[in-house]
Amino acid sequence: MSDTRRMLAEMADPLFAELGPDAPSERALPQLEELGLPLLLVPEAKGGFGGDWLDALIVFRLAGYHALGVDLPAIAVGKVAGAGEEQHQSLMAFARAAQIAGALDAALGLAVGYVNEREQFGRPLGKFQAVQQSLATFACEAAAANCAAMGAAQALNRGAAQFEIAAAKLRAHRAVEIGTTVAHQVHGAIGFTQEYALHHLTRRLWQWRSEYGNDAHWSRRLGSAVTARGADRFWPDLTARTDPACR
């Protein structure tokens, strides 16, 4: 992470933690605007923050991590999205994939902390092999969602990113299904209580999964792109997306 992006994260993280999921818009928006975050993707020449899509990934992911109540990603993307409905949808699909990645990390952290504190039969839940295996699966899914979102952000910075966005959103959907199931399994009934933070994350994860294209939509998008090029082009096309020498 560059120094600039580290500073951006250090600036956004405590504010998002303070605002959380319940801060009213009339209180949250002025604080977000004070930091210039709604104009994150607007060029400096036009009075914006001048950030790129990797900067957006950091901010959107942190918004997901803290289940930020104000839909900052939608505000930021709305400032730069083109008039075409398909392009708004694609950029917001990336934003939701980034938020999902952050929220999954937060839910995983809660789950790990809970099983290490909660005891059953005289030892922490985290010492049971079945629990460890479930959390390992959850960790893999969260890491995959984060990697997919990173790949989409890098592709957006390069230019065309429809394939990477479709892959990231679809991969995030799978991670939501597995991650939320494991999180609530290890927490038991407490995970659904109003006082506990997990439900803020899992409710948002289920919501973001359903927005800006469901599984069928992004599966068709990916499948159509691959079949149009033919089986012989699949691997060369895939490697060319990350290796300039293959383009």
Protein backbone atom coordinates (compact mmCIF):
# COMPACT_ATOMS: atom_id res chain seq x y z
CA MET A 1 0.00 0.00 0.00
CA SER A 2 1.34 3.42 -0.95
CA ASP A 3 1.80 6.16 1.65
CA THR A 4 -1.10 8.07 0.14
CA ARG A 5 -3.45 5.13 0.40
CA ARG A 6 -2.27 4.36 3.91
CA MET A 7 -3.09 7.95 4.90
CA LEU A 8 -6.49 7.62 3.22
CA ALA A 9 -7.21 4.47 5.22
CA GLU A 10 -6.03 6.09 8.47
CA MET A 11 -8.31 9.03 7.77
CA ALA A 12 -11.42 7.05 6.83
CA ASP A 13 -11.20 4.14 9.27
CA PRO A 14 -11.77 5.99 12.58
CA LEU A 15 -14.54 8.13 11.07
CA PHE A 16 -16.41 5.11 9.71
CA ALA A 17 -15.98 3.35 13.05
CA GLU A 18 -17.45 6.37 14.83
CA LEU A 19 -20.39 6.73 12.46
CA GLY A 20 -21.14 3.01 12.20
CA PRO A 21 -24.39 1.62 10.87
CA ASP A 22 -26.81 3.90 12.71
CA ALA A 23 -25.54 7.46 12.26
CA PRO A 24 -28.23 9.62 10.58
CA SER A 25 -27.36 11.08 7.20
CA GLU A 26 -27.69 14.64 8.43
CA ARG A 27 -24.86 14.00 10.90
CA ALA A 28 -22.73 11.68 8.79
CA LEU A 29 -22.72 13.45 5.43
CA PRO A 30 -21.14 16.71 6.65
CA GLN A 31 -18.27 14.75 8.23
CA LEU A 32 -17.77 12.70 5.08
CA GLU A 33 -17.84 15.83 2.96
CA GLU A 34 -15.30 17.51 5.24
CA LEU A 35 -12.82 14.79 4.28
CA GLY A 36 -13.78 15.04 0.60
CA LEU A 37 -14.86 11.39 0.43
CA PRO A 38 -18.04 11.89 -1.64
CA LEU A 39 -15.74 13.45 -4.30
CA LEU A 40 -13.19 10.66 -3.95
CA LEU A 41 -13.20 9.77 -7.66
CA VAL A 42 -13.66 13.29 -9.03
CA PRO A 43 -10.45 14.75 -10.56
CA GLU A 44 -8.66 17.45 -8.60
CA ALA A 45 -9.07 19.81 -11.56
CA LYS A 46 -12.82 19.61 -11.01
CA GLY A 47 -12.58 20.17 -7.28
CA GLY A 48 -12.50 16.53 -6.24
CA PHE A 49 -10.20 14.27 -4.25
CA GLY A 50 -8.54 12.92 -7.39
CA GLY A 51 -8.50 9.29 -6.26
CA ASP A 52 -8.35 6.23 -8.49
CA TRP A 53 -10.16 2.90 -8.21
CA LEU A 54 -7.59 1.42 -5.83
CA ASP A 55 -8.24 4.38 -3.55
CA ALA A 56 -11.95 3.66 -3.92
CA LEU A 57 -11.35 0.02 -3.02
CA ILE A 58 -9.79 1.07 0.29
CA VAL A 59 -12.64 3.44 1.17
CA PHE A 60 -15.46 1.18 -0.01
CA ARG A 61 -13.96 -1.81 1.77
CA LEU A 62 -13.73 0.14 5.03
CA ALA A 63 -17.33 1.29 4.57
CA GLY A 64 -18.28 -2.37 4.39
CA TYR A 65 -16.05 -3.33 7.32
CA HIS A 66 -17.87 -0.86 9.56
CA ALA A 67 -21.31 -1.47 7.95
CA LEU A 68 -21.47 2.28 7.35
CA GLY A 69 -25.09 3.37 7.31
CA VAL A 70 -24.64 6.10 4.72
CA ASP A 71 -24.22 4.67 1.23
CA LEU A 72 -20.96 6.49 0.53
CA PRO A 73 -19.98 4.21 -2.38
CA ALA A 74 -23.20 5.04 -4.23
CA ILE A 75 -22.60 8.75 -3.67
CA ALA A 76 -18.98 8.58 -4.85
CA VAL A 77 -19.74 6.43 -7.89
CA GLY A 78 -22.70 8.62 -8.79
CA LYS A 79 -20.35 11.57 -9.17
CA VAL A 80 -18.38 9.88 -11.97
CA ALA A 81 -20.66 7.25 -13.55
CA GLY A 82 -21.67 7.82 -17.16
CA ALA A 83 -25.20 8.16 -18.40
CA GLY A 84 -25.47 4.53 -19.50
CA GLU A 85 -27.44 2.30 -17.14
CA GLU A 86 -25.12 -0.65 -17.75
CA GLN A 87 -22.02 1.37 -16.71
CA HIS A 88 -23.70 2.57 -13.38
CA GLN A 89 -24.67 -0.94 -12.67
CA SER A 90 -21.10 -2.23 -13.33
CA LEU A 91 -19.38 0.40 -11.19
CA MET A 92 -21.81 -0.14 -8.34
CA ALA A 93 -21.31 -3.90 -8.65
CA PHE A 94 -17.62 -3.25 -8.03
CA ALA A 95 -18.48 -1.03 -5.07
CA ARG A 96 -20.68 -3.72 -3.54
CA ALA A 97 -17.97 -6.35 -4.09
CA ALA A 98 -15.53 -4.13 -2.19
CA GLN A 99 -18.01 -3.57 0.64
CA ILE A 100 -18.71 -7.30 0.83
CA ALA A 101 -14.98 -7.99 1.15
CA GLY A 102 -14.68 -5.57 4.05
CA ALA A 103 -17.80 -6.81 5.84
CA LEU A 104 -16.69 -10.42 5.52
CA ASP A 105 -13.39 -9.55 7.18
CA ALA A 106 -15.25 -7.85 10.01
CA ALA A 107 -17.64 -10.77 10.48
CA LEU A 108 -14.71 -13.19 10.46
CA GLY A 109 -12.99 -11.13 13.15
CA LEU A 110 -16.10 -11.24 15.32
CA ALA A 111 -16.43 -14.99 14.83
CA VAL A 112 -12.80 -15.69 15.72
CA GLY A 113 -12.98 -13.47 18.78
CA TYR A 114 -16.19 -15.11 19.97
CA VAL A 115 -15.00 -18.72 19.70
CA ASN A 116 -11.78 -17.88 21.52
CA GLU A 117 -13.72 -16.36 24.42
CA ARG A 118 -16.73 -18.68 24.64
CA GLU A 119 -16.17 -21.98 26.45
CA GLN A 120 -17.97 -25.27 26.01
CA PHE A 121 -17.19 -28.47 27.94
CA GLY A 122 -14.39 -26.68 29.78
CA ARG A 123 -12.45 -25.30 26.81
CA PRO A 124 -12.83 -22.49 24.24
CA LEU A 125 -15.00 -23.23 21.22
CA GLY A 126 -12.04 -22.32 19.05
CA LYS A 127 -10.20 -25.44 20.24
CA PHE A 128 -12.74 -27.76 18.60
CA GLN A 129 -11.59 -29.07 15.24
CA ALA A 130 -14.97 -28.67 13.55
CA VAL A 131 -15.08 -25.00 14.53
CA GLN A 132 -11.52 -24.47 13.33
CA GLN A 133 -12.33 -26.06 9.97
CA SER A 134 -15.42 -23.91 9.53
CA LEU A 135 -13.52 -20.73 10.30
CA ALA A 136 -10.69 -21.74 7.96
CA THR A 137 -13.24 -22.09 5.17
CA PHE A 138 -14.68 -18.69 6.07
CA ALA A 139 -11.19 -17.15 6.00
CA CYS A 140 -10.54 -18.57 2.54
CA GLU A 141 -13.81 -17.15 1.25
CA ALA A 142 -13.08 -13.71 2.72
CA ALA A 143 -9.59 -13.73 1.19
CA ALA A 144 -11.00 -14.73 -2.20
CA ALA A 145 -13.53 -11.90 -2.10
CA ASN A 146 -10.80 -9.41 -1.22
CA CYS A 147 -8.53 -10.65 -4.02
CA ALA A 148 -11.36 -10.49 -6.56
CA ALA A 149 -12.22 -6.93 -5.54
CA MET A 150 -8.55 -5.96 -5.80
CA GLY A 151 -8.37 -7.44 -9.30
CA ALA A 152 -11.44 -5.47 -10.37
CA ALA A 153 -9.99 -2.22 -9.00
CA GLN A 154 -6.71 -2.80 -10.84
CA ALA A 155 -8.61 -3.53 -14.05
CA LEU A 156 -10.68 -0.36 -13.67
CA ASN A 157 -7.48 1.64 -13.37
CA ARG A 158 -6.25 0.06 -16.60
CA GLY A 159 -9.48 0.73 -18.47
CA ALA A 160 -12.06 -1.89 -19.48
CA ALA A 161 -12.98 -4.07 -16.52
CA GLN A 162 -16.30 -5.72 -17.32
CA PHE A 163 -14.89 -9.25 -17.01
CA GLU A 164 -13.12 -8.56 -13.70
CA ILE A 165 -16.15 -6.80 -12.20
CA ALA A 166 -18.41 -9.68 -13.17
CA ALA A 167 -15.97 -12.18 -11.67
CA ALA A 168 -15.57 -10.13 -8.48
CA LYS A 169 -19.29 -9.70 -7.87
CA LEU A 170 -20.02 -13.36 -8.55
CA ARG A 171 -17.14 -14.50 -6.31
CA ALA A 172 -18.35 -12.18 -3.59
CA HIS A 173 -21.82 -13.75 -3.76
CA ARG A 174 -20.40 -17.19 -3.03
CA ALA A 175 -18.34 -15.84 -0.17
CA VAL A 176 -21.40 -14.18 1.38
CA GLU A 177 -23.35 -17.43 1.38
CA ILE A 178 -20.58 -19.41 3.06
CA GLY A 179 -19.28 -16.67 5.35
CA THR A 180 -22.60 -15.61 6.84
CA THR A 181 -23.61 -19.23 7.40
CA VAL A 182 -20.42 -20.00 9.32
CA ALA A 183 -20.54 -16.73 11.27
CA HIS A 184 -24.03 -17.42 12.58
CA GLN A 185 -23.33 -21.10 13.19
CA VAL A 186 -20.41 -20.40 15.51
CA HIS A 187 -22.23 -17.56 17.27
CA GLY A 188 -25.49 -19.39 17.79
CA ALA A 189 -28.50 -17.33 18.80
CA ILE A 190 -26.46 -14.36 20.03
CA GLY A 191 -25.54 -13.50 16.45
CA PHE A 192 -29.14 -12.46 15.74
CA THR A 193 -29.63 -10.26 18.79
CA GLN A 194 -30.06 -6.52 18.34
CA GLU A 195 -27.28 -5.74 20.81
CA TYR A 196 -24.62 -7.76 19.00
CA ALA A 197 -22.75 -6.32 16.02
CA LEU A 198 -22.86 -9.36 13.75
CA HIS A 199 -26.37 -8.80 12.42
CA HIS A 200 -25.41 -5.35 11.13
CA LEU A 201 -22.82 -7.00 8.92
CA THR A 202 -24.76 -10.04 7.77
CA ARG A 203 -27.92 -8.08 6.93
CA ARG A 204 -25.84 -5.73 4.79
CA LEU A 205 -24.01 -8.66 3.18
CA TRP A 206 -27.27 -10.28 2.11
CA GLN A 207 -28.52 -6.91 0.84
CA TRP A 208 -25.36 -6.12 -1.15
CA ARG A 209 -25.35 -9.60 -2.65
CA SER A 210 -28.78 -8.98 -4.18
CA GLU A 211 -28.01 -5.51 -5.54
CA TYR A 212 -26.68 -4.61 -9.01
CA GLY A 213 -26.95 -8.05 -10.52
CA ASN A 214 -27.62 -11.45 -8.95
CA ASP A 215 -25.80 -14.74 -9.52
CA ALA A 216 -27.66 -15.50 -12.73
CA HIS A 217 -26.92 -12.07 -14.19
CA TRP A 218 -23.17 -12.15 -13.63
CA SER A 219 -22.90 -15.83 -14.54
CA ARG A 220 -24.52 -15.09 -17.89
CA ARG A 221 -22.22 -12.10 -18.37
CA LEU A 222 -19.09 -14.16 -17.72
CA GLY A 223 -20.30 -17.16 -19.69
CA SER A 224 -21.19 -15.04 -22.71
CA ALA A 225 -17.78 -13.37 -22.71
CA VAL A 226 -15.95 -16.69 -22.57
CA THR A 227 -18.03 -18.53 -25.16
CA ALA A 228 -17.90 -15.62 -27.59
CA ARG A 229 -14.12 -15.89 -27.68
CA GLY A 230 -14.02 -19.68 -27.81
CA ALA A 231 -12.40 -22.31 -25.62
CA ASP A 232 -8.95 -21.93 -27.20
CA ARG A 233 -8.81 -18.26 -26.21
CA PHE A 234 -9.85 -18.68 -22.57
CA TRP A 235 -6.44 -19.13 -20.95
CA PRO A 236 -4.55 -16.63 -23.18
CA ASP A 237 -7.26 -14.04 -22.57
CA LEU A 238 -7.17 -14.69 -18.83
CA THR A 239 -3.41 -14.32 -18.51
CA ALA A 240 -3.41 -11.23 -20.73
CA ARG A 241 -5.53 -9.42 -18.16
CA THR A 242 -2.70 -9.39 -15.63
CA ASP A 243 0.44 -9.86 -17.76
CA PRO A 244 1.14 -6.98 -20.19
CA ALA A 245 3.53 -9.19 -22.14
CA CYS A 246 0.61 -11.45 -23.13
CA ARG A 247 -1.55 -8.66 -24.55
